Amino acid sequence: MTKFYSFHGTVTMITDLVGHNSEGDGCNKLISVVNEMGAIVNFVVSPSTYFVDHVMVAAGDRVTGYYDGNAPAPLIYPPQYQALVMVKDSPYQNVKVDYFNSQLISSDGRLRLNISPYTQMVLTNGQSFTSIPANRDLIVIYGPSTKSIPAQTTPYRIIVLCLRLL
């Protein structure tokens, strides 16, 4: 179970990551994000980083980057995290990346999923997921939710993270 942490803000810069691990091959990027309070985070984006809806991001886009809160991170400023999932803001959908238990409640207890026959369930490679999504790390794409605690929603789509992304 991955402990997903997130940072939300505006992309200020995207550069090729150059260093001893990436060797400037163009496959790894550094995406700088600043939030409304001026805090900055650099996300290391590799080919295994999952971009919801496979969107292209650019400077000026509002994004949320998810990373493993238990993974080691260098003690530098601004902080630099290996991005597991990146989400570009959309006014038409909400996204939650988290572990969902046997009752399909997120690990923070804020969202409960009500699966319908119309909920699309897929793997990160786009193939159908035909099992039960409980007790897994999920990317949940949804619209309206109730005001209860936990909020309840019927997701549009669930992307099942079967394997560790990195």
N, C-alpha and C. Protein backbone atom coordinates (compact mmCIF):
# COMPACT_ATOMS: atom_id res chain seq x y z
N MET A 1 0.85 -1.18 0.00
CA MET A 1 0.00 0.00 0.00
C MET A 1 0.89 1.24 0.00
N THR A 2 0.71 2.06 -0.99
CA THR A 2 1.45 3.30 -1.11
C THR A 2 0.73 4.39 -0.31
N LYS A 3 1.48 5.22 0.38
CA LYS A 3 0.91 6.36 1.10
C LYS A 3 1.00 7.56 0.16
N PHE A 4 -0.11 7.86 -0.52
CA PHE A 4 -0.12 8.93 -1.51
C PHE A 4 -0.22 10.29 -0.84
N TYR A 5 0.72 11.16 -1.17
CA TYR A 5 0.68 12.57 -0.80
C TYR A 5 0.53 13.35 -2.09
N SER A 6 0.00 14.57 -2.00
CA SER A 6 -0.20 15.34 -3.22
C SER A 6 0.24 16.78 -3.03
N PHE A 7 0.49 17.43 -4.14
CA PHE A 7 0.79 18.86 -4.17
C PHE A 7 0.08 19.42 -5.39
N HIS A 8 -0.68 20.51 -5.19
CA HIS A 8 -1.49 21.11 -6.24
C HIS A 8 -1.01 22.53 -6.51
N GLY A 9 -0.90 22.87 -7.78
CA GLY A 9 -0.50 24.22 -8.13
C GLY A 9 -0.40 24.41 -9.63
N THR A 10 0.36 25.44 -10.01
CA THR A 10 0.52 25.81 -11.41
C THR A 10 1.91 25.43 -11.88
N VAL A 11 1.98 24.81 -13.05
CA VAL A 11 3.27 24.45 -13.64
C VAL A 11 3.98 25.74 -14.05
N THR A 12 5.20 25.92 -13.56
CA THR A 12 5.98 27.11 -13.93
C THR A 12 7.07 26.79 -14.94
N MET A 13 7.53 25.53 -14.95
CA MET A 13 8.63 25.19 -15.84
C MET A 13 8.70 23.68 -16.03
N ILE A 14 9.05 23.26 -17.24
CA ILE A 14 9.30 21.85 -17.54
C ILE A 14 10.63 21.78 -18.25
N THR A 15 11.55 20.99 -17.68
CA THR A 15 12.88 20.86 -18.28
C THR A 15 13.27 19.39 -18.34
N ASP A 16 14.21 19.09 -19.23
CA ASP A 16 14.78 17.75 -19.26
C ASP A 16 15.62 17.57 -18.01
N LEU A 17 15.51 16.42 -17.40
CA LEU A 17 16.29 16.12 -16.20
C LEU A 17 17.65 15.62 -16.64
N VAL A 18 18.68 16.30 -16.22
CA VAL A 18 20.04 15.94 -16.58
C VAL A 18 20.76 15.55 -15.30
N GLY A 19 21.38 14.40 -15.32
CA GLY A 19 22.11 13.96 -14.13
C GLY A 19 22.69 12.59 -14.35
N HIS A 20 23.28 12.05 -13.30
CA HIS A 20 23.97 10.76 -13.44
C HIS A 20 23.01 9.60 -13.71
N ASN A 21 21.76 9.70 -13.28
CA ASN A 21 20.80 8.61 -13.52
C ASN A 21 20.13 8.72 -14.88
N SER A 22 19.83 9.94 -15.30
CA SER A 22 19.08 10.09 -16.55
C SER A 22 19.97 10.32 -17.74
N GLU A 23 21.20 10.78 -17.53
CA GLU A 23 22.18 10.99 -18.58
C GLU A 23 21.66 11.87 -19.70
N GLY A 24 20.69 12.74 -19.42
CA GLY A 24 20.22 13.69 -20.42
C GLY A 24 19.58 13.04 -21.63
N ASP A 25 18.95 11.90 -21.45
CA ASP A 25 18.39 11.17 -22.59
C ASP A 25 17.03 11.69 -23.04
N GLY A 26 16.47 12.67 -22.33
CA GLY A 26 15.18 13.24 -22.71
C GLY A 26 13.98 12.44 -22.23
N CYS A 27 14.19 11.32 -21.57
CA CYS A 27 13.08 10.49 -21.11
C CYS A 27 12.53 10.92 -19.76
N ASN A 28 13.31 11.67 -18.99
CA ASN A 28 12.89 12.12 -17.68
C ASN A 28 12.80 13.64 -17.66
N LYS A 29 11.75 14.14 -17.03
CA LYS A 29 11.50 15.58 -16.98
C LYS A 29 11.45 16.04 -15.53
N LEU A 30 11.70 17.31 -15.33
CA LEU A 30 11.52 17.96 -14.04
C LEU A 30 10.42 19.00 -14.24
N ILE A 31 9.31 18.82 -13.52
CA ILE A 31 8.17 19.74 -13.63
C ILE A 31 8.10 20.53 -12.33
N SER A 32 8.27 21.84 -12.43
CA SER A 32 8.19 22.73 -11.27
C SER A 32 6.76 23.23 -11.12
N VAL A 33 6.24 23.13 -9.88
CA VAL A 33 4.86 23.52 -9.59
C VAL A 33 4.88 24.46 -8.40
N VAL A 34 4.12 25.56 -8.48
CA VAL A 34 4.00 26.51 -7.38
C VAL A 34 2.53 26.61 -6.98
N ASN A 35 2.26 26.61 -5.66
CA ASN A 35 0.87 26.72 -5.21
C ASN A 35 0.50 28.17 -4.91
N GLU A 36 -0.73 28.39 -4.44
CA GLU A 36 -1.24 29.74 -4.21
C GLU A 36 -0.47 30.48 -3.11
N MET A 37 0.17 29.73 -2.23
CA MET A 37 0.91 30.35 -1.13
C MET A 37 2.38 30.57 -1.48
N GLY A 38 2.78 30.23 -2.71
CA GLY A 38 4.15 30.44 -3.16
C GLY A 38 5.09 29.29 -2.90
N ALA A 39 4.60 28.19 -2.32
CA ALA A 39 5.44 27.01 -2.10
C ALA A 39 5.73 26.35 -3.45
N ILE A 40 6.93 25.84 -3.58
CA ILE A 40 7.38 25.22 -4.84
C ILE A 40 7.73 23.76 -4.59
N VAL A 41 7.36 22.91 -5.54
CA VAL A 41 7.76 21.51 -5.53
C VAL A 41 8.22 21.16 -6.94
N ASN A 42 9.31 20.41 -7.03
CA ASN A 42 9.77 19.88 -8.31
C ASN A 42 9.40 18.40 -8.37
N PHE A 43 8.69 18.02 -9.42
CA PHE A 43 8.34 16.62 -9.63
C PHE A 43 9.25 16.02 -10.69
N VAL A 44 9.85 14.88 -10.36
CA VAL A 44 10.61 14.12 -11.33
C VAL A 44 9.61 13.22 -12.04
N VAL A 45 9.49 13.39 -13.34
CA VAL A 45 8.52 12.64 -14.14
C VAL A 45 9.28 11.70 -15.06
N SER A 46 9.00 10.41 -14.90
CA SER A 46 9.67 9.39 -15.71
C SER A 46 8.65 8.75 -16.65
N PRO A 47 9.10 7.88 -17.56
CA PRO A 47 8.15 7.20 -18.44
C PRO A 47 7.11 6.38 -17.68
N SER A 48 7.38 5.99 -16.42
CA SER A 48 6.41 5.21 -15.67
C SER A 48 5.41 6.08 -14.91
N THR A 49 5.57 7.40 -14.92
CA THR A 49 4.60 8.28 -14.28
C THR A 49 3.29 8.21 -15.05
N TYR A 50 2.19 7.99 -14.35
CA TYR A 50 0.88 7.87 -15.01
C TYR A 50 0.22 9.25 -15.08
N PHE A 51 -0.08 9.72 -16.28
CA PHE A 51 -0.81 10.96 -16.49
C PHE A 51 -2.27 10.61 -16.77
N VAL A 52 -3.17 11.05 -15.89
CA VAL A 52 -4.60 10.76 -16.07
C VAL A 52 -5.05 11.33 -17.40
N ASP A 53 -5.76 10.53 -18.17
CA ASP A 53 -6.24 10.85 -19.51
C ASP A 53 -5.10 11.06 -20.50
N HIS A 54 -3.89 10.69 -20.13
CA HIS A 54 -2.70 10.81 -20.99
C HIS A 54 -2.56 12.21 -21.58
N VAL A 55 -2.84 13.22 -20.75
CA VAL A 55 -2.78 14.60 -21.22
C VAL A 55 -1.35 15.11 -21.26
N MET A 56 -1.13 16.10 -22.10
CA MET A 56 0.15 16.80 -22.17
C MET A 56 0.03 18.01 -21.25
N VAL A 57 0.99 18.22 -20.40
CA VAL A 57 0.97 19.41 -19.55
C VAL A 57 2.01 20.41 -20.04
N ALA A 58 1.73 21.68 -19.77
CA ALA A 58 2.62 22.76 -20.19
C ALA A 58 2.64 23.82 -19.10
N ALA A 59 3.59 24.71 -19.19
CA ALA A 59 3.67 25.82 -18.23
C ALA A 59 2.35 26.57 -18.23
N GLY A 60 1.87 26.90 -17.04
CA GLY A 60 0.59 27.60 -16.89
C GLY A 60 -0.57 26.68 -16.54
N ASP A 61 -0.40 25.37 -16.76
CA ASP A 61 -1.47 24.42 -16.43
C ASP A 61 -1.55 24.22 -14.92
N ARG A 62 -2.77 24.02 -14.42
CA ARG A 62 -2.99 23.67 -13.01
C ARG A 62 -2.98 22.16 -12.91
N VAL A 63 -2.14 21.64 -12.03
CA VAL A 63 -1.96 20.19 -11.91
C VAL A 63 -1.90 19.79 -10.44
N THR A 64 -2.12 18.49 -10.22
CA THR A 64 -1.85 17.87 -8.93
C THR A 64 -0.91 16.72 -9.18
N GLY A 65 0.18 16.71 -8.44
CA GLY A 65 1.14 15.61 -8.53
C GLY A 65 1.03 14.75 -7.29
N TYR A 66 1.00 13.45 -7.48
CA TYR A 66 0.93 12.50 -6.37
C TYR A 66 2.26 11.76 -6.27
N TYR A 67 2.73 11.58 -5.05
CA TYR A 67 3.99 10.91 -4.81
C TYR A 67 3.87 10.04 -3.56
N ASP A 68 4.82 9.13 -3.40
CA ASP A 68 4.81 8.21 -2.26
C ASP A 68 5.40 8.94 -1.05
N GLY A 69 4.56 9.20 -0.06
CA GLY A 69 5.00 9.90 1.13
C GLY A 69 5.98 9.12 1.98
N ASN A 70 6.09 7.82 1.74
CA ASN A 70 7.04 6.99 2.48
C ASN A 70 8.38 6.81 1.76
N ALA A 71 8.46 7.30 0.53
CA ALA A 71 9.69 7.14 -0.24
C ALA A 71 10.73 8.16 0.23
N PRO A 72 12.00 7.80 0.18
CA PRO A 72 13.04 8.77 0.55
C PRO A 72 13.06 9.93 -0.44
N ALA A 73 13.33 11.11 0.07
CA ALA A 73 13.42 12.31 -0.78
C ALA A 73 14.66 13.08 -0.36
N PRO A 74 15.37 13.66 -1.33
CA PRO A 74 16.56 14.44 -0.97
C PRO A 74 16.17 15.67 -0.15
N LEU A 75 17.01 16.03 0.80
CA LEU A 75 16.75 17.20 1.64
C LEU A 75 17.28 18.44 0.94
N ILE A 76 16.53 18.90 -0.04
CA ILE A 76 16.92 20.08 -0.81
C ILE A 76 15.72 21.01 -0.90
N TYR A 77 15.98 22.25 -1.28
CA TYR A 77 14.89 23.19 -1.54
C TYR A 77 15.02 23.67 -2.97
N PRO A 78 13.95 23.69 -3.72
CA PRO A 78 12.63 23.20 -3.35
C PRO A 78 12.62 21.67 -3.29
N PRO A 79 11.65 21.11 -2.52
CA PRO A 79 11.58 19.65 -2.43
C PRO A 79 11.40 19.02 -3.80
N GLN A 80 11.94 17.84 -3.94
CA GLN A 80 11.87 17.12 -5.22
C GLN A 80 11.34 15.72 -4.96
N TYR A 81 10.24 15.39 -5.63
CA TYR A 81 9.59 14.09 -5.43
C TYR A 81 9.45 13.37 -6.76
N GLN A 82 9.53 12.04 -6.69
CA GLN A 82 9.27 11.20 -7.86
C GLN A 82 7.76 11.13 -8.06
N ALA A 83 7.25 11.66 -9.15
CA ALA A 83 5.81 11.68 -9.40
C ALA A 83 5.33 10.29 -9.78
N LEU A 84 4.30 9.81 -9.09
CA LEU A 84 3.67 8.54 -9.43
C LEU A 84 2.51 8.77 -10.39
N VAL A 85 1.69 9.79 -10.07
CA VAL A 85 0.51 10.13 -10.88
C VAL A 85 0.46 11.65 -11.02
N MET A 86 0.15 12.12 -12.22
CA MET A 86 -0.06 13.55 -12.46
C MET A 86 -1.46 13.74 -13.03
N VAL A 87 -2.14 14.78 -12.53
CA VAL A 87 -3.51 15.07 -12.96
C VAL A 87 -3.58 16.53 -13.37
N LYS A 88 -4.04 16.78 -14.57
CA LYS A 88 -4.29 18.15 -15.03
C LYS A 88 -5.71 18.52 -14.64
N ASP A 89 -5.88 19.70 -14.03
CA ASP A 89 -7.21 20.14 -13.58
C ASP A 89 -8.21 20.15 -14.72
N SER A 90 -9.42 19.73 -14.40
CA SER A 90 -10.53 19.78 -15.35
C SER A 90 -11.78 20.18 -14.56
N PRO A 91 -12.56 21.12 -15.10
CA PRO A 91 -13.77 21.54 -14.38
C PRO A 91 -14.85 20.47 -14.39
N TYR A 92 -14.68 19.42 -15.17
CA TYR A 92 -15.73 18.43 -15.35
C TYR A 92 -15.53 17.16 -14.53
N GLN A 93 -14.41 17.08 -13.80
CA GLN A 93 -14.17 15.86 -13.06
C GLN A 93 -13.32 16.11 -11.82
N ASN A 94 -13.50 15.24 -10.84
CA ASN A 94 -12.67 15.22 -9.65
C ASN A 94 -11.83 13.95 -9.72
N VAL A 95 -10.66 14.00 -9.12
CA VAL A 95 -9.77 12.84 -9.13
C VAL A 95 -9.25 12.61 -7.71
N LYS A 96 -9.26 11.35 -7.29
CA LYS A 96 -8.67 10.97 -6.00
C LYS A 96 -7.76 9.77 -6.24
N VAL A 97 -6.54 9.87 -5.75
CA VAL A 97 -5.58 8.78 -5.84
C VAL A 97 -5.33 8.33 -4.41
N ASP A 98 -5.66 7.08 -4.11
CA ASP A 98 -5.55 6.61 -2.73
C ASP A 98 -5.73 5.10 -2.69
N TYR A 99 -5.50 4.55 -1.50
CA TYR A 99 -5.81 3.16 -1.23
C TYR A 99 -7.26 3.09 -0.77
N PHE A 100 -8.03 2.15 -1.33
CA PHE A 100 -9.43 1.96 -0.94
C PHE A 100 -9.57 0.58 -0.31
N ASN A 101 -10.18 0.53 0.88
CA ASN A 101 -10.28 -0.71 1.65
C ASN A 101 -11.40 -1.62 1.15
N SER A 102 -11.73 -2.64 1.94
CA SER A 102 -12.73 -3.63 1.53
C SER A 102 -14.13 -3.04 1.38
N GLN A 103 -14.40 -1.92 2.05
CA GLN A 103 -15.69 -1.24 1.88
C GLN A 103 -15.61 -0.11 0.85
N LEU A 104 -14.50 -0.06 0.12
CA LEU A 104 -14.23 0.96 -0.89
C LEU A 104 -14.22 2.38 -0.30
N ILE A 105 -13.66 2.49 0.90
CA ILE A 105 -13.47 3.79 1.54
C ILE A 105 -11.98 4.13 1.47
N SER A 106 -11.68 5.36 1.10
CA SER A 106 -10.29 5.80 0.95
C SER A 106 -9.57 5.75 2.30
N SER A 107 -8.25 5.68 2.25
CA SER A 107 -7.46 5.56 3.48
C SER A 107 -7.61 6.76 4.40
N ASP A 108 -7.95 7.93 3.86
CA ASP A 108 -8.17 9.10 4.70
C ASP A 108 -9.61 9.20 5.21
N GLY A 109 -10.46 8.24 4.80
CA GLY A 109 -11.84 8.20 5.26
C GLY A 109 -12.75 9.27 4.68
N ARG A 110 -12.33 9.90 3.60
CA ARG A 110 -13.11 11.01 3.04
C ARG A 110 -13.98 10.66 1.85
N LEU A 111 -13.75 9.50 1.23
CA LEU A 111 -14.53 9.16 0.04
C LEU A 111 -14.88 7.68 0.03
N ARG A 112 -16.15 7.40 -0.24
CA ARG A 112 -16.63 6.02 -0.39
C ARG A 112 -17.15 5.86 -1.81
N LEU A 113 -16.78 4.76 -2.44
CA LEU A 113 -17.17 4.50 -3.82
C LEU A 113 -18.39 3.60 -3.88
N ASN A 114 -19.34 3.96 -4.73
CA ASN A 114 -20.50 3.13 -5.04
C ASN A 114 -20.36 2.75 -6.51
N ILE A 115 -19.93 1.53 -6.74
CA ILE A 115 -19.69 1.06 -8.11
C ILE A 115 -21.01 0.76 -8.79
N SER A 116 -21.16 1.24 -10.03
CA SER A 116 -22.36 0.93 -10.81
C SER A 116 -21.94 0.10 -12.02
N PRO A 117 -22.92 -0.48 -12.72
CA PRO A 117 -22.58 -1.23 -13.94
C PRO A 117 -21.96 -0.34 -15.01
N TYR A 118 -22.12 0.98 -14.87
CA TYR A 118 -21.59 1.92 -15.86
C TYR A 118 -20.21 2.47 -15.48
N THR A 119 -19.71 2.09 -14.32
CA THR A 119 -18.38 2.52 -13.90
C THR A 119 -17.34 1.76 -14.71
N GLN A 120 -16.55 2.49 -15.46
CA GLN A 120 -15.50 1.87 -16.27
C GLN A 120 -14.31 1.57 -15.36
N MET A 121 -13.84 0.32 -15.36
CA MET A 121 -12.67 -0.06 -14.56
C MET A 121 -11.59 -0.58 -15.50
N VAL A 122 -10.44 0.08 -15.44
CA VAL A 122 -9.34 -0.26 -16.35
C VAL A 122 -8.03 -0.32 -15.59
N LEU A 123 -7.05 -0.94 -16.21
CA LEU A 123 -5.67 -0.95 -15.73
C LEU A 123 -4.94 0.26 -16.31
N THR A 124 -3.74 0.53 -15.84
CA THR A 124 -2.99 1.67 -16.36
C THR A 124 -2.66 1.53 -17.85
N ASN A 125 -2.66 0.30 -18.36
CA ASN A 125 -2.39 0.10 -19.78
C ASN A 125 -3.65 0.21 -20.64
N GLY A 126 -4.79 0.55 -20.03
CA GLY A 126 -6.03 0.75 -20.78
C GLY A 126 -6.90 -0.49 -20.91
N GLN A 127 -6.41 -1.64 -20.44
CA GLN A 127 -7.19 -2.86 -20.55
C GLN A 127 -8.21 -2.95 -19.42
N SER A 128 -9.29 -3.70 -19.67
CA SER A 128 -10.36 -3.83 -18.68
C SER A 128 -9.86 -4.51 -17.42
N PHE A 129 -10.41 -4.06 -16.29
CA PHE A 129 -10.17 -4.70 -15.00
C PHE A 129 -11.48 -5.37 -14.62
N THR A 130 -11.46 -6.68 -14.42
CA THR A 130 -12.71 -7.41 -14.24
C THR A 130 -12.88 -7.98 -12.84
N SER A 131 -12.00 -7.64 -11.93
CA SER A 131 -12.10 -8.13 -10.57
C SER A 131 -12.73 -7.04 -9.68
N ILE A 132 -12.67 -7.24 -8.39
CA ILE A 132 -13.21 -6.27 -7.43
C ILE A 132 -12.10 -5.28 -7.09
N PRO A 133 -12.37 -3.98 -7.13
CA PRO A 133 -11.30 -3.00 -6.90
C PRO A 133 -10.98 -2.74 -5.43
N ALA A 134 -11.58 -3.49 -4.52
CA ALA A 134 -11.35 -3.28 -3.08
C ALA A 134 -9.93 -3.67 -2.68
N ASN A 135 -9.44 -3.04 -1.61
CA ASN A 135 -8.11 -3.31 -1.06
C ASN A 135 -7.00 -3.09 -2.08
N ARG A 136 -7.11 -1.97 -2.80
CA ARG A 136 -6.13 -1.64 -3.84
C ARG A 136 -5.87 -0.14 -3.88
N ASP A 137 -4.73 0.21 -4.50
CA ASP A 137 -4.46 1.60 -4.83
C ASP A 137 -5.21 1.91 -6.12
N LEU A 138 -5.99 3.00 -6.08
CA LEU A 138 -6.86 3.35 -7.22
C LEU A 138 -6.72 4.82 -7.59
N ILE A 139 -6.92 5.10 -8.86
CA ILE A 139 -7.14 6.46 -9.34
C ILE A 139 -8.63 6.51 -9.66
N VAL A 140 -9.37 7.36 -8.94
CA VAL A 140 -10.82 7.42 -9.08
C VAL A 140 -11.19 8.74 -9.74
N ILE A 141 -11.92 8.65 -10.84
CA ILE A 141 -12.38 9.84 -11.56
C ILE A 141 -13.88 9.90 -11.39
N TYR A 142 -14.35 11.01 -10.82
CA TYR A 142 -15.77 11.10 -10.46
C TYR A 142 -16.28 12.52 -10.60
N GLY A 143 -17.59 12.66 -10.53
CA GLY A 143 -18.25 13.96 -10.61
C GLY A 143 -18.78 14.37 -9.26
N PRO A 144 -20.10 14.52 -9.16
CA PRO A 144 -20.69 14.95 -7.89
C PRO A 144 -20.55 13.90 -6.81
N SER A 145 -20.54 14.38 -5.55
CA SER A 145 -20.52 13.49 -4.40
C SER A 145 -21.43 14.05 -3.33
N THR A 146 -21.79 13.20 -2.39
CA THR A 146 -22.66 13.64 -1.30
C THR A 146 -21.86 14.51 -0.33
N LYS A 147 -22.55 15.20 0.56
CA LYS A 147 -21.91 16.03 1.58
C LYS A 147 -21.67 15.26 2.87
N SER A 148 -21.95 13.96 2.88
CA SER A 148 -21.81 13.14 4.08
C SER A 148 -20.33 12.89 4.38
N ILE A 149 -20.10 12.27 5.54
CA ILE A 149 -18.74 11.86 5.90
C ILE A 149 -18.76 10.35 6.09
N PRO A 150 -18.11 9.55 5.25
CA PRO A 150 -17.37 10.04 4.09
C PRO A 150 -18.33 10.42 2.95
N ALA A 151 -17.84 11.29 2.08
CA ALA A 151 -18.61 11.62 0.89
C ALA A 151 -18.76 10.35 0.05
N GLN A 152 -19.90 10.22 -0.62
CA GLN A 152 -20.11 9.05 -1.46
C GLN A 152 -20.27 9.51 -2.90
N THR A 153 -19.75 8.69 -3.80
CA THR A 153 -19.84 9.01 -5.22
C THR A 153 -19.91 7.72 -6.03
N THR A 154 -20.49 7.84 -7.20
CA THR A 154 -20.45 6.76 -8.19
C THR A 154 -19.44 7.19 -9.24
N PRO A 155 -18.27 6.57 -9.25
CA PRO A 155 -17.20 7.03 -10.16
C PRO A 155 -17.54 6.82 -11.63
N TYR A 156 -17.01 7.73 -12.45
CA TYR A 156 -17.09 7.56 -13.90
C TYR A 156 -16.12 6.46 -14.33
N ARG A 157 -14.91 6.53 -13.74
CA ARG A 157 -13.85 5.60 -14.15
C ARG A 157 -12.95 5.33 -12.96
N ILE A 158 -12.46 4.10 -12.89
CA ILE A 158 -11.49 3.70 -11.89
C ILE A 158 -10.29 3.11 -12.63
N ILE A 159 -9.10 3.63 -12.31
CA ILE A 159 -7.88 3.09 -12.88
C ILE A 159 -7.18 2.35 -11.75
N VAL A 160 -6.99 1.07 -11.92
CA VAL A 160 -6.43 0.21 -10.89
C VAL A 160 -4.91 0.17 -11.03
N LEU A 161 -4.23 0.51 -9.95
CA LEU A 161 -2.77 0.50 -9.94
C LEU A 161 -2.31 -0.86 -9.39
N CYS A 162 -2.26 -1.86 -10.27
CA CYS A 162 -1.93 -3.23 -9.84
C CYS A 162 -0.49 -3.38 -9.42
N LEU A 163 0.39 -2.69 -10.07
CA LEU A 163 1.81 -2.81 -9.79
C LEU A 163 2.32 -1.50 -9.25
N ARG A 164 3.37 -1.59 -8.47
CA ARG A 164 4.03 -0.37 -8.04
C ARG A 164 4.53 0.35 -9.29
N LEU A 165 4.25 1.65 -9.38
CA LEU A 165 4.56 2.40 -10.59
C LEU A 165 6.03 2.61 -10.81
N LEU A 166 6.82 2.63 -9.76
CA LEU A 166 8.24 2.89 -9.93
C LEU A 166 9.06 1.76 -9.37
